[in-house]
Amino acid sequence: MTRNFATLLAVNLALGVFFGSMQVSVSAFAGVHHAAAAAGFLYGLMSAASLLAGLAYGRHRRHTPPGAQLPLILTLVACASLLPLLANSPWQLGLALLLPGAGVAPCIIVSSTLIESVMDQSILTQAFTWTNSASAAGIAVSAATVGRLVDGPGGTRAGFTVPFLALAATAALTWSSRHALTADTTASRQTSSTGGRQLRG
């Protein structure tokens, strides 16, 4: 396992923590504010923001390498994950979930692009299996952990702190690895370009 792949594995683990902890925290928040039926709608707002951001991201051509985009996106999502801590009502929480939700799809897109760049094509399916498993593990562990936290003295605020901590730590990791990730992506593109010229020749 290369260092770059280990970094991307950590990114997917953190995304899993984000999903699992947000699901539990949003449901607990809605319950505390006597709006348990609104939990699905609130989480749906975050998913809708992710969908729209993913579509917008795909429509625009970017000149910044994915290795440089990833730490920036993770940092923005981590900071946006603090917004739910400020919410005092379900409608405020709905608004607070839009911005962190908008960063999810672009983060997944960039992460997947980098996985294709840093891993050999012969083991690409295995690599995606590992990252998907890391995300699933993050969901399972964080959901169980946050379930205990929201029942404790910290309440839902403690639950909303978990995704911020996971994403902030992973953002720091990707900032330290951004040059290596960018170098791997550049090398992969050069190899693909050379192969294409040879085929045309």
Protein backbone atom coordinates (compact mmCIF):
# COMPACT_ATOMS: atom_id res chain seq x y z
CA MET A 1 0.00 0.00 0.00
CA THR A 2 1.43 3.36 -1.06
CA ARG A 3 1.32 6.47 1.09
CA ASN A 4 -0.96 8.22 -1.39
CA PHE A 5 -3.45 5.37 -1.35
CA ALA A 6 -3.36 5.29 2.46
CA THR A 7 -4.22 9.01 2.43
CA LEU A 8 -7.18 8.40 0.12
CA LEU A 9 -8.27 5.50 2.30
CA ALA A 10 -8.30 7.90 5.26
CA VAL A 11 -10.36 10.39 3.24
CA ASN A 12 -13.03 7.77 2.54
CA LEU A 13 -12.99 6.68 6.18
CA ALA A 14 -13.57 10.30 7.22
CA LEU A 15 -16.42 10.65 4.72
CA GLY A 16 -17.98 7.55 6.26
CA VAL A 17 -17.65 9.13 9.70
CA PHE A 18 -19.31 12.26 8.32
CA PHE A 19 -22.27 10.30 6.94
CA GLY A 20 -22.76 8.10 10.00
CA SER A 21 -22.43 10.84 12.60
CA MET A 22 -24.60 13.30 10.67
CA GLN A 23 -27.41 10.78 10.27
CA VAL A 24 -27.54 10.07 13.99
CA SER A 25 -27.01 13.68 15.07
CA VAL A 26 -29.67 15.07 12.73
CA SER A 27 -32.19 12.48 13.91
CA ALA A 28 -31.37 13.20 17.56
CA PHE A 29 -31.61 16.96 16.99
CA ALA A 30 -35.01 16.62 15.35
CA GLY A 31 -36.20 14.45 18.22
CA VAL A 32 -35.02 16.89 20.87
CA HIS A 33 -36.89 19.71 19.13
CA HIS A 34 -40.09 17.66 18.87
CA ALA A 35 -39.80 17.34 15.10
CA ALA A 36 -38.74 13.72 14.69
CA ALA A 37 -40.73 13.43 11.46
CA ALA A 38 -38.57 16.16 9.90
CA ALA A 39 -35.31 14.21 10.30
CA GLY A 40 -35.53 12.61 6.87
CA PHE A 41 -36.34 15.94 5.23
CA LEU A 42 -33.39 17.63 6.95
CA TYR A 43 -30.97 14.95 5.89
CA GLY A 44 -32.51 15.06 2.42
CA LEU A 45 -31.63 18.75 2.18
CA MET A 46 -27.98 17.89 2.70
CA SER A 47 -28.18 15.15 0.06
CA ALA A 48 -29.86 17.50 -2.39
CA ALA A 49 -27.11 20.08 -1.86
CA SER A 50 -24.54 17.37 -2.53
CA LEU A 51 -26.31 16.33 -5.75
CA LEU A 52 -26.53 19.88 -7.10
CA ALA A 53 -22.91 20.63 -6.18
CA GLY A 54 -21.78 17.45 -7.90
CA LEU A 55 -23.62 18.44 -11.09
CA ALA A 56 -22.15 21.94 -10.96
CA TYR A 57 -18.66 20.56 -10.33
CA GLY A 58 -18.94 18.25 -13.32
CA ARG A 59 -20.01 21.03 -15.68
CA HIS A 60 -16.99 23.25 -15.11
CA ARG A 61 -13.52 22.57 -16.40
CA ARG A 62 -10.90 22.92 -13.66
CA HIS A 63 -7.25 23.79 -14.16
CA THR A 64 -6.18 22.98 -10.59
CA PRO A 65 -4.85 19.41 -10.18
CA PRO A 66 -7.09 17.06 -8.14
CA GLY A 67 -4.29 16.61 -5.62
CA ALA A 68 -4.46 20.32 -4.85
CA GLN A 69 -8.27 20.43 -4.91
CA LEU A 70 -8.78 17.68 -2.33
CA PRO A 71 -7.29 19.39 0.77
CA LEU A 72 -9.11 22.61 -0.10
CA ILE A 73 -12.48 20.88 -0.44
CA LEU A 74 -11.95 18.90 2.76
CA THR A 75 -11.03 22.07 4.64
CA LEU A 76 -14.16 23.84 3.42
CA VAL A 77 -16.39 20.89 4.35
CA ALA A 78 -14.73 20.62 7.76
CA CYS A 79 -15.31 24.30 8.49
CA ALA A 80 -18.88 24.10 7.18
CA SER A 81 -19.49 21.14 9.49
CA LEU A 82 -19.30 23.57 12.40
CA LEU A 83 -22.48 25.32 11.25
CA PRO A 84 -24.89 22.72 12.73
CA LEU A 85 -23.43 23.52 16.15
CA LEU A 86 -24.99 26.98 15.85
CA ALA A 87 -28.49 25.74 15.01
CA ASN A 88 -31.22 26.17 17.62
CA SER A 89 -34.21 24.96 15.62
CA PRO A 90 -34.93 22.44 12.84
CA TRP A 91 -35.18 25.11 10.14
CA GLN A 92 -31.83 26.56 11.21
CA LEU A 93 -30.31 23.10 11.07
CA GLY A 94 -31.69 22.61 7.57
CA LEU A 95 -29.89 25.74 6.40
CA ALA A 96 -26.73 24.76 8.29
CA LEU A 97 -26.60 21.39 6.50
CA LEU A 98 -26.62 22.85 3.00
CA LEU A 99 -23.03 24.03 2.90
CA PRO A 100 -21.35 20.88 4.29
CA GLY A 101 -23.63 18.80 2.06
CA ALA A 102 -22.52 20.75 -0.99
CA GLY A 103 -18.93 19.68 -0.42
CA VAL A 104 -19.62 15.94 -0.26
CA ALA A 105 -20.06 15.08 -3.95
CA PRO A 106 -17.06 17.12 -5.17
CA CYS A 107 -14.95 15.46 -2.46
CA ILE A 108 -16.02 11.99 -3.60
CA ILE A 109 -15.41 12.87 -7.26
CA VAL A 110 -11.91 14.18 -6.60
CA SER A 111 -11.06 11.25 -4.34
CA SER A 112 -12.17 8.75 -6.99
CA THR A 113 -10.17 10.58 -9.66
CA LEU A 114 -7.06 10.41 -7.50
CA ILE A 115 -7.55 6.71 -6.78
CA GLU A 116 -7.53 6.06 -10.53
CA SER A 117 -4.31 8.07 -10.78
CA VAL A 118 -2.32 6.55 -7.92
CA MET A 119 -3.29 2.91 -8.40
CA ASP A 120 -2.32 0.54 -11.18
CA GLN A 121 -5.21 -0.35 -13.48
CA SER A 122 -4.76 -4.05 -12.73
CA ILE A 123 -5.79 -3.56 -9.07
CA LEU A 124 -8.15 -0.62 -9.48
CA THR A 125 -11.26 -2.64 -8.61
CA GLN A 126 -9.57 -3.90 -5.46
CA ALA A 127 -8.58 -0.34 -4.55
CA PHE A 128 -12.17 0.91 -4.84
CA THR A 129 -13.33 -2.06 -2.77
CA TRP A 130 -10.95 -1.01 0.00
CA THR A 131 -12.07 2.62 -0.07
CA ASN A 132 -15.75 1.65 -0.09
CA SER A 133 -15.09 -0.65 2.85
CA ALA A 134 -13.33 2.19 4.69
CA SER A 135 -16.35 4.41 4.15
CA ALA A 136 -18.72 1.68 5.37
CA ALA A 137 -16.56 1.13 8.45
CA GLY A 138 -16.61 4.86 9.17
CA ILE A 139 -20.39 4.93 8.96
CA ALA A 140 -20.82 1.93 11.28
CA VAL A 141 -18.32 3.01 13.93
CA SER A 142 -19.36 6.66 13.99
CA ALA A 143 -23.07 5.89 14.13
CA ALA A 144 -22.54 3.67 17.17
CA THR A 145 -20.22 6.16 18.83
CA VAL A 146 -22.35 9.22 18.18
CA GLY A 147 -25.43 7.34 19.34
CA ARG A 148 -23.82 7.19 22.77
CA LEU A 149 -22.60 10.78 22.64
CA VAL A 150 -25.98 12.34 21.88
CA ASP A 151 -27.46 10.50 24.86
CA GLY A 152 -24.80 11.97 27.13
CA PRO A 153 -24.37 15.44 28.64
CA GLY A 154 -23.01 16.88 25.39
CA GLY A 155 -26.19 16.04 23.51
CA THR A 156 -26.44 16.68 19.80
CA ARG A 157 -23.67 19.29 19.89
CA ALA A 158 -21.24 16.55 20.86
CA GLY A 159 -22.54 14.48 17.96
CA PHE A 160 -22.04 17.29 15.44
CA THR A 161 -18.48 17.76 16.67
CA VAL A 162 -17.45 14.29 15.44
CA PRO A 163 -17.66 14.95 11.67
CA PHE A 164 -15.76 18.21 12.10
CA LEU A 165 -12.91 16.48 13.95
CA ALA A 166 -12.72 13.64 11.42
CA LEU A 167 -12.70 15.95 8.41
CA ALA A 168 -10.30 18.46 9.98
CA ALA A 169 -7.78 15.72 10.76
CA THR A 170 -8.07 14.30 7.25
CA ALA A 171 -7.78 17.75 5.69
CA ALA A 172 -4.51 18.25 7.56
CA LEU A 173 -3.31 14.89 6.24
CA THR A 174 -4.14 15.78 2.64
CA TRP A 175 -2.46 19.19 2.92
CA SER A 176 0.76 17.40 3.92
CA SER A 177 0.35 14.94 1.02
CA ARG A 178 -0.87 17.30 -1.69
CA HIS A 179 2.48 17.50 -3.53
CA ALA A 180 2.80 13.71 -3.72
CA LEU A 181 -0.82 13.35 -4.86
CA THR A 182 -0.35 16.01 -7.52
CA ALA A 183 2.87 14.39 -8.73
CA ASP A 184 1.17 11.01 -9.05
CA THR A 185 -1.71 12.55 -10.99
CA THR A 186 0.64 14.37 -13.36
CA ALA A 187 2.68 11.22 -13.97
CA SER A 188 -0.48 9.25 -14.69
CA ARG A 189 -1.68 11.82 -17.22
CA GLN A 190 1.68 11.86 -18.96
CA THR A 191 1.65 8.07 -19.20
CA SER A 192 -1.89 8.09 -20.62
CA SER A 193 -0.95 10.80 -23.11
CA THR A 194 2.15 8.89 -24.25
CA GLY A 195 0.12 5.70 -24.64
CA GLY A 196 -2.49 7.54 -26.69
CA ARG A 197 0.17 8.94 -29.04
CA GLN A 198 1.68 5.47 -29.48
CA LEU A 199 -1.72 4.00 -30.37
CA ARG A 200 -2.40 6.75 -32.89
CA GLY A 201 1.08 6.31 -34.33
